[in-house]
Amino acid sequence: MKHVYHPTKSCISFGNELTPISARPVRGSGVNEDGITFYAYKYFTGRSTHVKDGETELWLDEISSYIITGNSSWSLYGGHHFEGDMYVTHQNPQNNLLTFVPDVTKLQPPIEIDFIRSAKKM
């Protein structure tokens, strides 16, 4: 099943509801497999990188949005090699194995690290 992010409906499957749009696929593993894809800009735009288990050094200049696939929670770190301040992000059980975070500045509770420099599956 293909999914697309919609700002007011979170995640919807392709069907009659959509009009022609520009869509980006979820990178990396399938929806049922654990992974997190980081994007440089809000709403899943700009350069991206996909992580399956853990990445000690994320080299995007900025991470402004991300998508979680699978069932795992992730630890996000302000420093390389899983060091510095940590933020834990969880899978949203209502989204059928997909969690969309279109703007990290809107997270609740707020993310209190300036940059995401490494990430690890919990």
C-alpha atoms as a PDB file:
ATOM      1  CA  MET A   1       0.000   0.000   0.000  1.00  0.00           C
ATOM      2  CA  LYS A   2       1.296   3.472  -0.888  1.00  0.00           C
ATOM      3  CA  HIS A   3       0.855   6.330   1.578  1.00  0.00           C
ATOM      4  CA  VAL A   4       1.201  10.091   1.347  1.00  0.00           C
ATOM      5  CA  TYR A   5       1.510  12.727   4.029  1.00  0.00           C
ATOM      6  CA  HIS A   6      -1.345  15.202   4.207  1.00  0.00           C
ATOM      7  CA  PRO A   7      -1.078  18.125   6.684  1.00  0.00           C
ATOM      8  CA  THR A   8      -4.639  17.790   8.006  1.00  0.00           C
ATOM      9  CA  LYS A   9      -5.117  14.017   7.720  1.00  0.00           C
ATOM     10  CA  SER A  10      -1.604  12.901   8.740  1.00  0.00           C
ATOM     11  CA  CYS A  11      -1.277   9.779   6.589  1.00  0.00           C
ATOM     12  CA  ILE A  12      -3.678   8.594   3.948  1.00  0.00           C
ATOM     13  CA  SER A  13      -3.500   5.826   1.409  1.00  0.00           C
ATOM     14  CA  PHE A  14      -3.644   6.598  -2.309  1.00  0.00           C
ATOM     15  CA  GLY A  15      -7.171   6.478  -3.607  1.00  0.00           C
ATOM     16  CA  ASN A  16      -9.982   8.625  -4.993  1.00  0.00           C
ATOM     17  CA  GLU A  17      -9.386  11.264  -2.325  1.00  0.00           C
ATOM     18  CA  LEU A  18      -6.207  12.648  -3.928  1.00  0.00           C
ATOM     19  CA  THR A  19      -5.902  15.186  -6.679  1.00  0.00           C
ATOM     20  CA  PRO A  20      -2.673  15.466  -8.718  1.00  0.00           C
ATOM     21  CA  ILE A  21       0.143  16.341  -6.332  1.00  0.00           C
ATOM     22  CA  SER A  22       3.884  16.188  -6.063  1.00  0.00           C
ATOM     23  CA  ALA A  23       4.732  13.273  -3.746  1.00  0.00           C
ATOM     24  CA  ARG A  24       7.983  11.916  -2.309  1.00  0.00           C
ATOM     25  CA  PRO A  25       8.302   8.218  -1.538  1.00  0.00           C
ATOM     26  CA  VAL A  26       9.263   7.053   1.949  1.00  0.00           C
ATOM     27  CA  ARG A  27      12.910   6.127   1.504  1.00  0.00           C
ATOM     28  CA  GLY A  28      14.700   3.011   2.622  1.00  0.00           C
ATOM     29  CA  SER A  29      12.973   0.017   4.097  1.00  0.00           C
ATOM     30  CA  GLY A  30       9.352  -0.938   3.673  1.00  0.00           C
ATOM     31  CA  VAL A  31       6.659   0.493   5.909  1.00  0.00           C
ATOM     32  CA  ASN A  32       6.706  -2.616   8.120  1.00  0.00           C
ATOM     33  CA  GLU A  33      10.485  -2.491   8.636  1.00  0.00           C
ATOM     34  CA  ASP A  34      12.084  -0.281  11.284  1.00  0.00           C
ATOM     35  CA  GLY A  35      13.713   2.849   9.938  1.00  0.00           C
ATOM     36  CA  ILE A  36      13.804   6.626  10.176  1.00  0.00           C
ATOM     37  CA  THR A  37      14.302   9.051   7.292  1.00  0.00           C
ATOM     38  CA  PHE A  38      15.527  12.549   8.092  1.00  0.00           C
ATOM     39  CA  TYR A  39      14.937  15.527   5.797  1.00  0.00           C
ATOM     40  CA  ALA A  40      16.801  18.837   5.739  1.00  0.00           C
ATOM     41  CA  TYR A  41      13.652  20.941   5.476  1.00  0.00           C
ATOM     42  CA  LYS A  42      10.098  20.962   6.791  1.00  0.00           C
ATOM     43  CA  TYR A  43       7.456  18.766   5.163  1.00  0.00           C
ATOM     44  CA  PHE A  44       9.966  16.126   4.012  1.00  0.00           C
ATOM     45  CA  THR A  45      11.840  18.241   1.491  1.00  0.00           C
ATOM     46  CA  GLY A  46      15.504  18.849   0.761  1.00  0.00           C
ATOM     47  CA  ARG A  47      18.348  16.370   1.170  1.00  0.00           C
ATOM     48  CA  SER A  48      17.494  13.218   3.090  1.00  0.00           C
ATOM     49  CA  THR A  49      19.175  10.292   4.772  1.00  0.00           C
ATOM     50  CA  HIS A  50      17.700   6.967   5.881  1.00  0.00           C
ATOM     51  CA  VAL A  51      18.783   5.063   9.020  1.00  0.00           C
ATOM     52  CA  LYS A  52      17.868   1.422   9.789  1.00  0.00           C
ATOM     53  CA  ASP A  53      19.535   0.640  13.135  1.00  0.00           C
ATOM     54  CA  GLY A  54      21.744   3.514  14.168  1.00  0.00           C
ATOM     55  CA  GLU A  55      23.930   6.176  12.635  1.00  0.00           C
ATOM     56  CA  THR A  56      26.811   7.692  14.563  1.00  0.00           C
ATOM     57  CA  GLU A  57      27.155  10.724  12.281  1.00  0.00           C
ATOM     58  CA  LEU A  58      24.305  12.404  10.425  1.00  0.00           C
ATOM     59  CA  TRP A  59      25.809  14.931   8.035  1.00  0.00           C
ATOM     60  CA  LEU A  60      22.748  16.929   7.032  1.00  0.00           C
ATOM     61  CA  ASP A  61      23.332  20.618   7.798  1.00  0.00           C
ATOM     62  CA  GLU A  62      19.908  20.743   9.380  1.00  0.00           C
ATOM     63  CA  ILE A  63      17.168  18.225  10.156  1.00  0.00           C
ATOM     64  CA  SER A  64      13.722  19.760  10.083  1.00  0.00           C
ATOM     65  CA  SER A  65      11.413  16.774   9.527  1.00  0.00           C
ATOM     66  CA  TYR A  66      11.428  12.986   9.655  1.00  0.00           C
ATOM     67  CA  ILE A  67       9.362   9.860   9.005  1.00  0.00           C
ATOM     68  CA  ILE A  68       9.471   6.725  11.181  1.00  0.00           C
ATOM     69  CA  THR A  69       8.558   3.344   9.685  1.00  0.00           C
ATOM     70  CA  GLY A  70       8.038   0.124  11.652  1.00  0.00           C
ATOM     71  CA  ASN A  71       7.383  -0.265  15.375  1.00  0.00           C
ATOM     72  CA  SER A  72      10.536   1.040  17.054  1.00  0.00           C
ATOM     73  CA  SER A  73      11.191   4.153  19.064  1.00  0.00           C
ATOM     74  CA  TRP A  74      14.322   6.149  18.290  1.00  0.00           C
ATOM     75  CA  SER A  75      16.830   8.092  20.375  1.00  0.00           C
ATOM     76  CA  LEU A  76      17.987  11.306  18.699  1.00  0.00           C
ATOM     77  CA  TYR A  77      21.227  12.874  19.936  1.00  0.00           C
ATOM     78  CA  GLY A  78      22.640  16.368  19.732  1.00  0.00           C
ATOM     79  CA  GLY A  79      26.190  15.050  19.292  1.00  0.00           C
ATOM     80  CA  HIS A  80      27.907  12.547  17.035  1.00  0.00           C
ATOM     81  CA  HIS A  81      28.429   8.951  18.281  1.00  0.00           C
ATOM     82  CA  PHE A  82      25.255   8.995  20.435  1.00  0.00           C
ATOM     83  CA  GLU A  83      26.556  11.718  22.721  1.00  0.00           C
ATOM     84  CA  GLY A  84      25.058  14.951  24.004  1.00  0.00           C
ATOM     85  CA  ASP A  85      21.457  15.729  24.816  1.00  0.00           C
ATOM     86  CA  MET A  86      18.965  13.027  23.841  1.00  0.00           C
ATOM     87  CA  TYR A  87      15.363  13.135  22.633  1.00  0.00           C
ATOM     88  CA  VAL A  88      13.242   9.979  22.384  1.00  0.00           C
ATOM     89  CA  THR A  89      10.707   9.834  19.569  1.00  0.00           C
ATOM     90  CA  HIS A  90       8.035   7.145  19.463  1.00  0.00           C
ATOM     91  CA  GLN A  91       6.070   5.422  16.758  1.00  0.00           C
ATOM     92  CA  ASN A  92       2.492   6.687  16.548  1.00  0.00           C
ATOM     93  CA  PRO A  93       0.300   3.562  16.962  1.00  0.00           C
ATOM     94  CA  GLN A  94      -2.644   5.243  15.203  1.00  0.00           C
ATOM     95  CA  ASN A  95      -0.749   5.694  11.933  1.00  0.00           C
ATOM     96  CA  ASN A  96      -0.390   2.024  10.936  1.00  0.00           C
ATOM     97  CA  LEU A  97       3.410   1.778  11.172  1.00  0.00           C
ATOM     98  CA  LEU A  98       4.097   5.306   9.886  1.00  0.00           C
ATOM     99  CA  THR A  99       4.853   8.378  11.961  1.00  0.00           C
ATOM    100  CA  PHE A 100       5.207  11.717  10.176  1.00  0.00           C
ATOM    101  CA  VAL A 101       6.953  14.653  11.858  1.00  0.00           C
ATOM    102  CA  PRO A 102       6.720  17.475   9.297  1.00  0.00           C
ATOM    103  CA  ASP A 103       8.319  20.120  11.536  1.00  0.00           C
ATOM    104  CA  VAL A 104      10.572  19.260  14.500  1.00  0.00           C
ATOM    105  CA  THR A 105       9.969  22.689  16.033  1.00  0.00           C
ATOM    106  CA  LYS A 106       6.342  21.656  16.679  1.00  0.00           C
ATOM    107  CA  LEU A 107       7.097  18.431  18.609  1.00  0.00           C
ATOM    108  CA  GLN A 108       5.350  17.959  21.969  1.00  0.00           C
ATOM    109  CA  PRO A 109       7.136  17.725  24.282  1.00  0.00           C
ATOM    110  CA  PRO A 110       9.484  20.111  22.461  1.00  0.00           C
ATOM    111  CA  ILE A 111      12.809  18.836  21.213  1.00  0.00           C
ATOM    112  CA  GLU A 112      15.511  20.549  23.255  1.00  0.00           C
ATOM    113  CA  ILE A 113      18.554  19.820  21.134  1.00  0.00           C
ATOM    114  CA  ASP A 114      19.808  22.327  18.554  1.00  0.00           C
ATOM    115  CA  PHE A 115      20.907  19.761  15.970  1.00  0.00           C
ATOM    116  CA  ILE A 116      20.257  16.056  15.466  1.00  0.00           C
ATOM    117  CA  ARG A 117      23.724  14.604  14.857  1.00  0.00           C
ATOM    118  CA  SER A 118      23.164  10.884  15.523  1.00  0.00           C
ATOM    119  CA  ALA A 119      20.247   8.488  15.915  1.00  0.00           C
ATOM    120  CA  LYS A 120      19.795   4.988  17.356  1.00  0.00           C
ATOM    121  CA  LYS A 121      16.904   2.513  17.320  1.00  0.00           C
ATOM    122  CA  MET A 122      15.771   1.642  20.854  1.00  0.00           C
END
